[in-house]
Amino acid sequence: MSLLPEEYARRKQFLQELPSLTTAESSEIVRILRMHKFNYSENTNGVFFNVAAVPQALFDDLDKFIQFTKTNRTSIEDRKTLFTMLGVEPLSDKEKAEVAAVIEDHPSLAKGVLR
């Protein structure tokens, strides 16, 4: 499969961004490969596949996911900055567990409805 220079650059950028993924995000890449029934190999060092051989539709899905992770990280950092500016500390793990327990006891809270 011959790639146009623009597509080669996209795939090269994709490869440069792969190492920054979390374990959960990397698992999503594997899920996308499986969904498209694309062959890959896996060992204790990780998952390997030929990005140049990936069909365009599959690559578009992989790239879309990478773009999502970048946008999501930016959004999280923006929220952290806002909290810092407002002087609000993030919730501790204990506080997060308490909030989750309250929401679990009152499902309408998860929907933003107080009843």
N, C-alpha and C. Protein backbone atom coordinates (compact mmCIF):
# COMPACT_ATOMS: atom_id res chain seq x y z
N MET A 1 0.85 -1.18 0.00
CA MET A 1 0.00 0.00 0.00
C MET A 1 0.89 1.24 0.00
N SER A 2 0.67 2.11 -0.95
CA SER A 2 1.46 3.33 -1.08
C SER A 2 0.70 4.49 -0.44
N LEU A 3 1.40 5.23 0.40
CA LEU A 3 0.77 6.34 1.09
C LEU A 3 1.20 7.67 0.48
N LEU A 4 0.25 8.59 0.38
CA LEU A 4 0.58 9.95 -0.05
C LEU A 4 1.38 10.62 1.06
N PRO A 5 2.19 11.61 0.74
CA PRO A 5 3.01 12.27 1.76
C PRO A 5 2.21 12.80 2.96
N GLU A 6 1.02 13.34 2.70
CA GLU A 6 0.19 13.86 3.80
C GLU A 6 -0.26 12.74 4.73
N GLU A 7 -0.63 11.61 4.13
CA GLU A 7 -1.08 10.48 4.94
C GLU A 7 0.09 9.86 5.69
N TYR A 8 1.25 9.81 5.06
CA TYR A 8 2.45 9.32 5.74
C TYR A 8 2.74 10.19 6.96
N ALA A 9 2.62 11.51 6.82
CA ALA A 9 2.87 12.44 7.93
C ALA A 9 1.86 12.21 9.06
N ARG A 10 0.59 11.98 8.72
CA ARG A 10 -0.43 11.70 9.74
C ARG A 10 -0.09 10.45 10.53
N ARG A 11 0.31 9.43 9.82
CA ARG A 11 0.62 8.15 10.48
C ARG A 11 1.90 8.26 11.31
N LYS A 12 2.85 9.04 10.83
CA LYS A 12 4.07 9.26 11.60
C LYS A 12 3.74 10.00 12.89
N GLN A 13 2.87 11.00 12.82
CA GLN A 13 2.44 11.74 14.01
C GLN A 13 1.72 10.81 14.98
N PHE A 14 0.88 9.94 14.46
CA PHE A 14 0.18 8.95 15.27
C PHE A 14 1.17 8.10 16.05
N LEU A 15 2.20 7.62 15.37
CA LEU A 15 3.21 6.78 16.02
C LEU A 15 3.95 7.54 17.12
N GLN A 16 4.17 8.83 16.91
CA GLN A 16 4.86 9.64 17.92
C GLN A 16 3.99 9.86 19.15
N GLU A 17 2.68 9.83 18.98
CA GLU A 17 1.77 10.07 20.10
C GLU A 17 1.41 8.80 20.88
N LEU A 18 1.60 7.64 20.29
CA LEU A 18 1.26 6.38 20.95
C LEU A 18 1.92 6.20 22.32
N PRO A 19 3.21 6.50 22.48
CA PRO A 19 3.83 6.28 23.80
C PRO A 19 3.23 7.11 24.94
N SER A 20 2.53 8.18 24.61
CA SER A 20 1.95 9.03 25.65
C SER A 20 0.62 8.49 26.19
N LEU A 21 0.10 7.42 25.60
CA LEU A 21 -1.19 6.88 26.02
C LEU A 21 -1.08 6.16 27.37
N THR A 22 -2.14 6.25 28.13
CA THR A 22 -2.21 5.50 29.38
C THR A 22 -2.50 4.04 29.04
N THR A 23 -2.45 3.19 30.04
CA THR A 23 -2.75 1.77 29.83
C THR A 23 -4.17 1.59 29.33
N ALA A 24 -5.11 2.30 29.92
CA ALA A 24 -6.51 2.20 29.49
C ALA A 24 -6.68 2.68 28.04
N GLU A 25 -5.99 3.75 27.69
CA GLU A 25 -6.08 4.27 26.33
C GLU A 25 -5.45 3.29 25.33
N SER A 26 -4.34 2.69 25.72
CA SER A 26 -3.70 1.69 24.85
C SER A 26 -4.62 0.49 24.64
N SER A 27 -5.33 0.11 25.68
CA SER A 27 -6.29 -0.99 25.56
C SER A 27 -7.39 -0.64 24.57
N GLU A 28 -7.77 0.61 24.52
CA GLU A 28 -8.79 1.05 23.55
C GLU A 28 -8.27 0.94 22.12
N ILE A 29 -7.00 1.22 21.92
CA ILE A 29 -6.39 1.06 20.59
C ILE A 29 -6.50 -0.41 20.16
N VAL A 30 -6.20 -1.32 21.07
CA VAL A 30 -6.30 -2.75 20.78
C VAL A 30 -7.75 -3.13 20.48
N ARG A 31 -8.69 -2.57 21.25
CA ARG A 31 -10.11 -2.86 21.01
C ARG A 31 -10.52 -2.40 19.61
N ILE A 32 -10.03 -1.25 19.20
CA ILE A 32 -10.36 -0.74 17.85
C ILE A 32 -9.76 -1.66 16.79
N LEU A 33 -8.53 -2.12 17.00
CA LEU A 33 -7.92 -3.06 16.04
C LEU A 33 -8.73 -4.35 15.95
N ARG A 34 -9.15 -4.86 17.10
CA ARG A 34 -9.97 -6.09 17.12
C ARG A 34 -11.31 -5.88 16.42
N MET A 35 -11.93 -4.73 16.69
CA MET A 35 -13.23 -4.43 16.09
C MET A 35 -13.15 -4.46 14.56
N HIS A 36 -12.01 -4.00 14.03
CA HIS A 36 -11.81 -3.99 12.58
C HIS A 36 -11.18 -5.30 12.07
N LYS A 37 -10.95 -6.24 13.01
CA LYS A 37 -10.35 -7.53 12.67
C LYS A 37 -8.99 -7.37 11.98
N PHE A 38 -8.20 -6.43 12.50
CA PHE A 38 -6.86 -6.19 11.96
C PHE A 38 -5.85 -6.98 12.77
N ASN A 39 -4.95 -7.66 12.09
CA ASN A 39 -3.95 -8.51 12.75
C ASN A 39 -2.89 -7.67 13.45
N TYR A 40 -2.54 -8.08 14.65
CA TYR A 40 -1.48 -7.46 15.41
C TYR A 40 -0.80 -8.56 16.22
N SER A 41 0.37 -8.27 16.72
CA SER A 41 1.04 -9.24 17.59
C SER A 41 1.19 -8.62 18.97
N GLU A 42 1.29 -9.50 19.94
CA GLU A 42 1.34 -9.04 21.32
C GLU A 42 2.32 -9.91 22.09
N ASN A 43 3.15 -9.25 22.91
CA ASN A 43 4.02 -9.99 23.81
C ASN A 43 4.21 -9.15 25.07
N THR A 44 5.16 -9.53 25.90
CA THR A 44 5.34 -8.82 27.17
C THR A 44 5.80 -7.38 26.98
N ASN A 45 6.32 -7.05 25.80
CA ASN A 45 6.76 -5.68 25.52
C ASN A 45 5.64 -4.79 24.99
N GLY A 46 4.51 -5.37 24.64
CA GLY A 46 3.39 -4.57 24.15
C GLY A 46 2.69 -5.18 22.96
N VAL A 47 1.96 -4.32 22.27
CA VAL A 47 1.19 -4.70 21.08
C VAL A 47 1.86 -4.05 19.88
N PHE A 48 1.98 -4.81 18.81
CA PHE A 48 2.67 -4.33 17.63
C PHE A 48 1.80 -4.52 16.39
N PHE A 49 1.77 -3.50 15.54
CA PHE A 49 1.07 -3.61 14.27
C PHE A 49 1.71 -2.64 13.28
N ASN A 50 1.55 -2.95 12.00
CA ASN A 50 2.14 -2.15 10.93
C ASN A 50 1.19 -1.00 10.60
N VAL A 51 1.53 0.19 11.04
CA VAL A 51 0.66 1.35 10.83
C VAL A 51 0.53 1.67 9.34
N ALA A 52 1.56 1.41 8.57
CA ALA A 52 1.49 1.68 7.13
C ALA A 52 0.50 0.76 6.43
N ALA A 53 0.26 -0.43 7.00
CA ALA A 53 -0.65 -1.40 6.37
C ALA A 53 -2.09 -1.27 6.85
N VAL A 54 -2.34 -0.38 7.79
CA VAL A 54 -3.69 -0.21 8.34
C VAL A 54 -4.59 0.42 7.27
N PRO A 55 -5.74 -0.19 6.99
CA PRO A 55 -6.68 0.40 6.02
C PRO A 55 -7.12 1.80 6.49
N GLN A 56 -7.45 2.63 5.55
CA GLN A 56 -7.76 4.03 5.85
C GLN A 56 -8.89 4.18 6.86
N ALA A 57 -9.96 3.41 6.72
CA ALA A 57 -11.09 3.54 7.66
C ALA A 57 -10.66 3.21 9.09
N LEU A 58 -9.85 2.18 9.25
CA LEU A 58 -9.34 1.82 10.57
C LEU A 58 -8.42 2.91 11.10
N PHE A 59 -7.53 3.39 10.25
CA PHE A 59 -6.61 4.44 10.71
C PHE A 59 -7.39 5.69 11.13
N ASP A 60 -8.43 6.02 10.39
CA ASP A 60 -9.24 7.19 10.77
C ASP A 60 -9.85 7.00 12.16
N ASP A 61 -10.30 5.78 12.48
CA ASP A 61 -10.84 5.50 13.82
C ASP A 61 -9.76 5.62 14.89
N LEU A 62 -8.56 5.08 14.59
CA LEU A 62 -7.46 5.16 15.54
C LEU A 62 -7.05 6.62 15.78
N ASP A 63 -6.96 7.37 14.69
CA ASP A 63 -6.56 8.77 14.79
C ASP A 63 -7.62 9.59 15.53
N LYS A 64 -8.87 9.29 15.28
CA LYS A 64 -9.96 9.98 15.97
C LYS A 64 -9.86 9.75 17.48
N PHE A 65 -9.52 8.53 17.87
CA PHE A 65 -9.36 8.23 19.28
C PHE A 65 -8.18 9.01 19.88
N ILE A 66 -7.07 9.06 19.16
CA ILE A 66 -5.90 9.81 19.64
C ILE A 66 -6.28 11.28 19.82
N GLN A 67 -7.01 11.84 18.87
CA GLN A 67 -7.43 13.24 18.97
C GLN A 67 -8.34 13.44 20.18
N PHE A 68 -9.22 12.47 20.43
CA PHE A 68 -10.09 12.52 21.60
C PHE A 68 -9.27 12.57 22.89
N THR A 69 -8.25 11.71 22.98
CA THR A 69 -7.44 11.68 24.22
C THR A 69 -6.73 13.01 24.41
N LYS A 70 -6.25 13.62 23.34
CA LYS A 70 -5.57 14.92 23.45
C LYS A 70 -6.54 16.00 23.91
N THR A 71 -7.73 16.01 23.34
CA THR A 71 -8.75 16.99 23.72
C THR A 71 -9.17 16.78 25.17
N ASN A 72 -9.34 15.52 25.55
CA ASN A 72 -9.74 15.20 26.91
C ASN A 72 -8.68 15.66 27.92
N ARG A 73 -7.41 15.42 27.62
CA ARG A 73 -6.34 15.86 28.52
C ARG A 73 -6.32 17.38 28.65
N THR A 74 -6.51 18.07 27.54
CA THR A 74 -6.53 19.53 27.56
C THR A 74 -7.68 20.02 28.43
N SER A 75 -8.84 19.39 28.28
CA SER A 75 -10.01 19.75 29.07
C SER A 75 -9.75 19.54 30.56
N ILE A 76 -9.14 18.43 30.90
CA ILE A 76 -8.83 18.14 32.31
C ILE A 76 -7.85 19.17 32.86
N GLU A 77 -6.83 19.49 32.08
CA GLU A 77 -5.85 20.49 32.53
C GLU A 77 -6.50 21.86 32.68
N ASP A 78 -7.41 22.21 31.77
CA ASP A 78 -8.13 23.48 31.88
C ASP A 78 -8.94 23.53 33.17
N ARG A 79 -9.61 22.43 33.50
CA ARG A 79 -10.39 22.38 34.74
C ARG A 79 -9.49 22.49 35.97
N LYS A 80 -8.36 21.82 35.94
CA LYS A 80 -7.42 21.90 37.06
C LYS A 80 -6.94 23.34 37.24
N THR A 81 -6.64 24.01 36.13
CA THR A 81 -6.20 25.41 36.19
C THR A 81 -7.30 26.29 36.76
N LEU A 82 -8.53 26.07 36.32
CA LEU A 82 -9.66 26.84 36.84
C LEU A 82 -9.84 26.62 38.33
N PHE A 83 -9.78 25.37 38.77
CA PHE A 83 -9.90 25.07 40.20
C PHE A 83 -8.80 25.77 40.99
N THR A 84 -7.59 25.75 40.46
CA THR A 84 -6.47 26.40 41.14
C THR A 84 -6.71 27.91 41.24
N MET A 85 -7.18 28.50 40.15
CA MET A 85 -7.46 29.95 40.14
C MET A 85 -8.56 30.30 41.13
N LEU A 86 -9.53 29.41 41.28
CA LEU A 86 -10.64 29.66 42.21
C LEU A 86 -10.29 29.28 43.65
N GLY A 87 -9.13 28.66 43.82
CA GLY A 87 -8.72 28.25 45.16
C GLY A 87 -9.43 27.00 45.64
N VAL A 88 -9.92 26.20 44.70
CA VAL A 88 -10.63 24.98 45.04
C VAL A 88 -9.67 23.80 44.90
N GLU A 89 -9.56 23.03 45.95
CA GLU A 89 -8.70 21.86 45.92
C GLU A 89 -9.47 20.68 45.32
N PRO A 90 -8.80 19.83 44.55
CA PRO A 90 -9.48 18.63 44.04
C PRO A 90 -9.89 17.72 45.20
N LEU A 91 -10.90 16.91 44.94
CA LEU A 91 -11.38 15.98 45.96
C LEU A 91 -10.33 14.91 46.24
N SER A 92 -10.21 14.54 47.49
CA SER A 92 -9.34 13.42 47.85
C SER A 92 -10.04 12.13 47.42
N ASP A 93 -9.31 11.03 47.45
CA ASP A 93 -9.91 9.74 47.10
C ASP A 93 -11.05 9.41 48.04
N LYS A 94 -10.88 9.74 49.32
CA LYS A 94 -11.93 9.47 50.31
C LYS A 94 -13.19 10.29 49.98
N GLU A 95 -13.00 11.56 49.62
CA GLU A 95 -14.15 12.41 49.28
C GLU A 95 -14.84 11.91 48.01
N LYS A 96 -14.04 11.48 47.02
CA LYS A 96 -14.62 10.94 45.79
C LYS A 96 -15.48 9.70 46.10
N ALA A 97 -14.99 8.84 47.00
CA ALA A 97 -15.74 7.64 47.39
C ALA A 97 -17.03 8.02 48.09
N GLU A 98 -16.98 9.05 48.93
CA GLU A 98 -18.19 9.50 49.63
C GLU A 98 -19.22 10.04 48.65
N VAL A 99 -18.77 10.83 47.67
CA VAL A 99 -19.68 11.37 46.65
C VAL A 99 -20.29 10.23 45.84
N ALA A 100 -19.46 9.26 45.45
CA ALA A 100 -19.95 8.11 44.67
C ALA A 100 -21.00 7.34 45.46
N ALA A 101 -20.78 7.19 46.76
CA ALA A 101 -21.74 6.45 47.60
C ALA A 101 -23.07 7.20 47.68
N VAL A 102 -23.02 8.52 47.80
CA VAL A 102 -24.25 9.31 47.86
C VAL A 102 -25.00 9.20 46.54
N ILE A 103 -24.28 9.30 45.43
CA ILE A 103 -24.92 9.19 44.11
C ILE A 103 -25.52 7.80 43.93
N GLU A 104 -24.83 6.78 44.40
CA GLU A 104 -25.34 5.42 44.30
C GLU A 104 -26.63 5.26 45.10
N ASP A 105 -26.68 5.90 46.27
CA ASP A 105 -27.88 5.83 47.11
C ASP A 105 -29.03 6.67 46.54
N HIS A 106 -28.69 7.68 45.75
CA HIS A 106 -29.70 8.59 45.18
C HIS A 106 -29.44 8.74 43.68
N PRO A 107 -29.86 7.79 42.85
CA PRO A 107 -29.56 7.79 41.42
C PRO A 107 -29.98 9.07 40.70
N SER A 108 -31.00 9.77 41.21
CA SER A 108 -31.42 11.00 40.53
C SER A 108 -30.33 12.06 40.57
N LEU A 109 -29.42 12.00 41.55
CA LEU A 109 -28.33 12.96 41.61
C LEU A 109 -27.38 12.81 40.43
N ALA A 110 -27.20 11.60 39.97
CA ALA A 110 -26.32 11.35 38.83
C ALA A 110 -26.86 12.03 37.57
N LYS A 111 -28.18 12.23 37.53
CA LYS A 111 -28.80 12.88 36.39
C LYS A 111 -28.95 14.38 36.60
N GLY A 112 -28.49 14.87 37.76
CA GLY A 112 -28.58 16.29 38.04
C GLY A 112 -29.96 16.71 38.50
N VAL A 113 -30.75 15.77 39.01
CA VAL A 113 -32.11 16.04 39.45
C VAL A 113 -32.21 15.79 40.95
N LEU A 114 -32.72 16.76 41.65
CA LEU A 114 -32.92 16.58 43.09
C LEU A 114 -34.39 16.27 43.33
N ARG A 115 -34.68 15.18 43.99
CA ARG A 115 -36.05 14.81 44.29
C ARG A 115 -36.12 14.31 45.69
